[in-house]
Amino acid sequence: MGAIRRWVGVTVMVTSLGLATPALASGLPAQRFAAPAADRSAHHAQTYRGVMAAIDATFARAVANATRTLHVRMAHAKSAADRIDARNHYRVAIVKATQERQLEVEQLDQSPLGKNNPDQTVTVTTDTNSTDH
C-alpha cells in the first residue's frame, strides 16, 4: 500500500514538472506553453488508469498467493480441523486483500489524479415531471 501511495505521489510530481518545466525554462508565462486541454486530459487519464492497473495487479497477486497457500495447506491437512483452519486463513487473506485494494482506490480517488479523472462518469438528472417534453 505504501508503494502505491509513493508511486502516485511521484507520478503526480513528474507530471506537474513535465508540464511546467518548458514554460519556466523559457521565462514565458506557463499558459503559453501549456499542453492543450485534450492532451493533458488524455495523459491524466492514462496515468490514472496506470495507477489503477498497479492496484489491481497487487490485488491479483495477493489473491494468487492466498490461493496457493490454501492449496498447500489443504494438501498437508491431516484432519478436518486443519482443513477448516486452511479455509479460514484463506478467507482472512482475501478479506485483507480486498480491504487494502478498497483503501488504495479511495486514496487514489482523493488524490489529484482521482479528483480530476476525465474517465469518471458524469450523472445528469432530468426532471421527468417537466411539461417541456
Protein backbone atom coordinates (compact mmCIF):
# COMPACT_ATOMS: atom_id res chain seq x y z
CA MET A 1 0.00 0.00 0.00
CA GLY A 2 2.83 2.41 0.81
CA ALA A 3 4.47 1.66 -2.53
CA ILE A 4 1.28 2.61 -4.39
CA ARG A 5 0.99 5.83 -2.41
CA ARG A 6 4.61 6.71 -3.23
CA TRP A 7 4.09 5.82 -6.88
CA VAL A 8 1.02 8.07 -7.08
CA GLY A 9 2.99 10.92 -5.47
CA VAL A 10 5.92 10.51 -7.82
CA THR A 11 3.63 10.28 -10.84
CA VAL A 12 1.79 13.47 -9.87
CA MET A 13 5.07 15.28 -9.25
CA VAL A 14 6.65 14.14 -12.53
CA THR A 15 3.51 15.04 -14.45
CA SER A 16 3.35 18.52 -12.95
CA LEU A 17 7.07 19.08 -13.54
CA GLY A 18 6.79 17.85 -17.10
CA LEU A 19 4.05 20.38 -17.86
CA ALA A 20 5.67 23.32 -16.08
CA THR A 21 9.39 22.91 -16.85
CA PRO A 22 9.39 24.03 -20.54
CA ALA A 23 7.49 27.20 -19.72
CA LEU A 24 9.65 28.03 -16.73
CA ALA A 25 12.86 27.42 -18.67
CA SER A 26 11.86 29.83 -21.41
CA GLY A 27 10.86 32.54 -18.95
CA LEU A 28 7.47 32.95 -20.61
CA PRO A 29 4.14 32.62 -18.85
CA ALA A 30 3.16 29.00 -18.28
CA GLN A 31 -0.16 29.28 -20.09
CA ARG A 32 1.56 29.98 -23.43
CA PHE A 33 3.28 26.60 -23.46
CA ALA A 34 0.73 24.55 -21.56
CA ALA A 35 -0.37 21.44 -23.38
CA PRO A 36 -3.80 21.60 -24.97
CA ALA A 37 -6.56 20.54 -22.60
CA ALA A 38 -7.29 17.40 -24.63
CA ASP A 39 -3.63 16.28 -24.42
CA ARG A 40 -3.43 16.92 -20.67
CA SER A 41 -6.75 15.16 -20.16
CA ALA A 42 -5.61 12.10 -22.13
CA HIS A 43 -2.27 11.97 -20.28
CA HIS A 44 -4.03 12.39 -16.93
CA ALA A 45 -6.48 9.60 -17.74
CA GLN A 46 -3.63 7.34 -18.86
CA THR A 47 -1.76 7.99 -15.60
CA TYR A 48 -4.90 7.31 -13.55
CA ARG A 49 -5.51 4.06 -15.44
CA GLY A 50 -1.87 3.06 -14.89
CA VAL A 51 -2.20 3.52 -11.13
CA MET A 52 -5.47 1.56 -11.13
CA ALA A 53 -3.76 -1.23 -13.08
CA ALA A 54 -0.98 -1.34 -10.46
CA ILE A 55 -3.57 -1.54 -7.67
CA ASP A 56 -5.40 -4.33 -9.49
CA ALA A 57 -2.14 -6.22 -10.10
CA THR A 58 -1.25 -6.01 -6.40
CA PHE A 59 -4.70 -7.34 -5.52
CA ALA A 60 -4.41 -10.18 -8.05
CA ARG A 61 -1.01 -11.19 -6.61
CA ALA A 62 -2.45 -11.23 -3.10
CA VAL A 63 -5.35 -13.43 -4.20
CA ALA A 64 -2.99 -15.76 -6.08
CA ASN A 65 -0.73 -16.06 -3.03
CA ALA A 66 -3.72 -16.79 -0.80
CA THR A 67 -4.95 -19.44 -3.24
CA ARG A 68 -1.52 -21.11 -3.45
CA THR A 69 -1.28 -21.12 0.34
CA LEU A 70 -4.76 -22.65 0.59
CA HIS A 71 -3.82 -25.44 -1.82
CA VAL A 72 -0.60 -26.22 0.07
CA ARG A 73 -2.35 -26.21 3.43
CA MET A 74 -5.18 -28.42 2.13
CA ALA A 75 -2.65 -30.87 0.67
CA HIS A 76 -0.89 -31.11 4.03
CA ALA A 77 -4.05 -31.15 6.17
CA LYS A 78 -4.34 -34.24 8.32
CA SER A 79 -7.72 -33.56 9.88
CA ALA A 80 -10.95 -31.70 9.35
CA ALA A 81 -9.71 -29.04 11.78
CA ASP A 82 -6.62 -28.48 9.59
CA ARG A 83 -8.83 -28.03 6.51
CA ILE A 84 -11.13 -25.62 8.36
CA ASP A 85 -8.10 -23.67 9.54
CA ALA A 86 -6.72 -23.53 5.98
CA ARG A 87 -10.02 -22.20 4.61
CA ASN A 88 -10.27 -19.65 7.42
CA HIS A 89 -6.76 -18.37 6.67
CA TYR A 90 -7.70 -18.12 3.00
CA ARG A 91 -10.86 -16.14 3.80
CA VAL A 92 -8.95 -13.77 6.06
CA ALA A 93 -6.30 -13.22 3.37
CA ILE A 94 -8.97 -12.45 0.75
CA VAL A 95 -10.77 -10.03 3.07
CA LYS A 96 -7.48 -8.30 3.88
CA ALA A 97 -6.53 -8.01 0.19
CA THR A 98 -9.99 -6.65 -0.64
CA GLN A 99 -9.84 -4.08 2.15
CA GLU A 100 -6.35 -2.96 1.11
CA ARG A 101 -7.47 -2.59 -2.50
CA GLN A 102 -10.52 -0.58 -1.45
CA LEU A 103 -8.35 1.70 0.68
CA GLU A 104 -5.87 2.25 -2.15
CA VAL A 105 -8.68 3.04 -4.62
CA GLU A 106 -10.22 5.50 -2.16
CA GLN A 107 -6.83 7.18 -1.67
CA LEU A 108 -6.33 7.38 -5.42
CA ASP A 109 -9.78 8.89 -5.91
CA GLN A 110 -8.99 11.51 -3.23
CA SER A 111 -5.65 12.37 -4.86
CA PRO A 112 -5.34 14.99 -7.61
CA LEU A 113 -5.34 12.17 -10.16
CA GLY A 114 -8.70 10.90 -8.93
CA LYS A 115 -10.37 14.26 -8.42
CA ASN A 116 -9.55 15.37 -11.97
CA ASN A 117 -10.07 12.00 -13.61
CA PRO A 118 -11.63 12.52 -17.04
CA ASP A 119 -12.75 8.87 -17.03
CA GLN A 120 -15.24 9.48 -14.23
CA THR A 121 -18.80 9.31 -15.43
CA VAL A 122 -20.99 12.33 -15.06
CA THR A 123 -24.51 11.76 -13.83
CA VAL A 124 -27.10 14.02 -15.39
CA THR A 125 -30.53 14.17 -13.85
CA THR A 126 -33.57 15.37 -15.70
CA ASP A 127 -36.90 16.45 -14.40
CA THR A 128 -39.37 13.82 -15.57
CA ASN A 129 -42.32 15.88 -14.41
CA SER A 130 -41.48 18.74 -16.75
CA THR A 131 -44.13 19.76 -19.30
CA ASP A 132 -41.49 20.88 -21.84
CA HIS A 133 -41.14 17.44 -23.48
